[in-house]
Amino acid sequence: MPKGSALEVAKGTRLIDAVRTAGLPIARACGDDLVCAKCGVRILEGRVAREAPIERRAKERNRVPAELRLACALRVQSDLVVAADYW
């Protein structure tokens, strides 16, 4: 998402890289190092890895809602439907 955008990427691609390849804006003040937690996205459909402690701490430190996942921390393993509040 948005607007039904679709993109095919190789399994294992970082989600943040897929979002950029799709030409969608994504916040990333830290340069993808799990520090700023600005790249929070909502996983609407699909399967992603469980949240690692480092991702959870980054979200807590930056007051990111628990239901969001950090695109810099996720690798695409299956078909996903993803949204961000600012798309």
Protein backbone atom coordinates (compact mmCIF):
# COMPACT_ATOMS: atom_id res chain seq x y z
CA MET A 1 0.00 0.00 0.00
CA PRO A 2 -0.80 2.85 -0.74
CA LYS A 3 -3.07 2.89 -3.72
CA GLY A 4 -2.66 -0.82 -4.31
CA SER A 5 1.05 -0.47 -5.13
CA ALA A 6 2.76 -3.82 -5.59
CA LEU A 7 6.43 -4.70 -5.76
CA GLU A 8 8.20 -8.03 -6.04
CA VAL A 9 11.48 -8.35 -4.14
CA ALA A 10 13.79 -11.21 -3.34
CA LYS A 11 13.17 -13.16 -0.16
CA GLY A 12 15.40 -11.73 2.56
CA THR A 13 15.25 -8.14 1.30
CA ARG A 14 15.05 -5.65 4.14
CA LEU A 15 11.58 -4.16 4.23
CA ILE A 16 12.96 -0.61 4.34
CA ASP A 17 14.84 -1.28 1.10
CA ALA A 18 11.68 -2.65 -0.54
CA VAL A 19 9.76 0.46 0.51
CA ARG A 20 12.45 2.70 -0.99
CA THR A 21 12.53 0.65 -4.19
CA ALA A 22 8.77 1.14 -4.46
CA GLY A 23 9.42 4.89 -4.41
CA LEU A 24 7.52 5.44 -1.18
CA PRO A 25 8.76 7.83 1.50
CA ILE A 26 10.02 6.32 4.72
CA ALA A 27 11.57 8.11 7.68
CA ARG A 28 15.04 6.94 8.64
CA ALA A 29 16.98 9.53 10.59
CA CYS A 30 19.45 6.97 11.95
CA GLY A 31 20.47 5.50 8.61
CA ASP A 32 18.72 2.15 9.21
CA ASP A 33 20.54 1.32 12.47
CA LEU A 34 17.53 0.64 14.73
CA VAL A 35 18.21 3.81 16.71
CA CYS A 36 15.62 6.39 15.71
CA ALA A 37 12.63 4.02 15.22
CA LYS A 38 11.14 6.45 12.68
CA CYS A 39 10.51 3.74 10.06
CA GLY A 40 7.53 2.22 11.87
CA VAL A 41 5.05 0.52 9.56
CA ARG A 42 1.88 -1.45 10.06
CA ILE A 43 1.88 -5.04 8.78
CA LEU A 44 -1.68 -5.56 7.54
CA GLU A 45 -1.22 -9.00 6.00
CA GLY A 46 1.56 -11.53 5.83
CA ARG A 47 4.05 -13.14 8.14
CA VAL A 48 7.11 -11.49 9.66
CA ALA A 49 9.68 -12.61 12.20
CA ARG A 50 8.95 -12.09 15.87
CA GLU A 51 10.06 -8.81 17.30
CA ALA A 52 13.65 -8.95 18.56
CA PRO A 53 14.55 -7.32 21.90
CA ILE A 54 16.63 -4.62 20.14
CA GLU A 55 13.61 -3.60 18.03
CA ARG A 56 11.33 -3.55 21.07
CA ARG A 57 13.80 -1.37 23.03
CA ALA A 58 14.17 1.06 20.12
CA LYS A 59 10.39 1.39 19.88
CA GLU A 60 10.00 1.91 23.63
CA ARG A 61 12.83 4.47 23.74
CA ASN A 62 11.24 6.45 20.90
CA ARG A 63 7.60 5.98 22.00
CA VAL A 64 6.61 4.08 18.86
CA PRO A 65 3.26 2.26 19.19
CA ALA A 66 3.70 -1.43 20.00
CA GLU A 67 1.64 -2.55 16.99
CA LEU A 68 4.09 -0.98 14.51
CA ARG A 69 7.18 -2.76 13.26
CA LEU A 70 10.43 -1.13 12.24
CA ALA A 71 11.02 -1.56 8.51
CA CYS A 72 14.81 -1.49 9.03
CA ALA A 73 14.53 -4.53 11.33
CA LEU A 74 12.42 -6.75 9.08
CA ARG A 75 13.32 -8.95 6.16
CA VAL A 76 10.69 -9.95 3.62
CA GLN A 77 9.94 -13.66 3.97
CA SER A 78 6.50 -13.84 2.37
CA ASP A 79 3.89 -11.69 0.67
CA LEU A 80 3.12 -8.64 2.81
CA VAL A 81 0.63 -5.83 2.84
CA VAL A 82 2.21 -2.86 4.59
CA ALA A 83 0.98 0.63 5.45
CA ALA A 84 2.36 3.74 7.09
CA ASP A 85 0.30 6.58 8.50
CA TYR A 86 2.05 9.10 6.24
CA TRP A 87 1.45 7.32 2.89
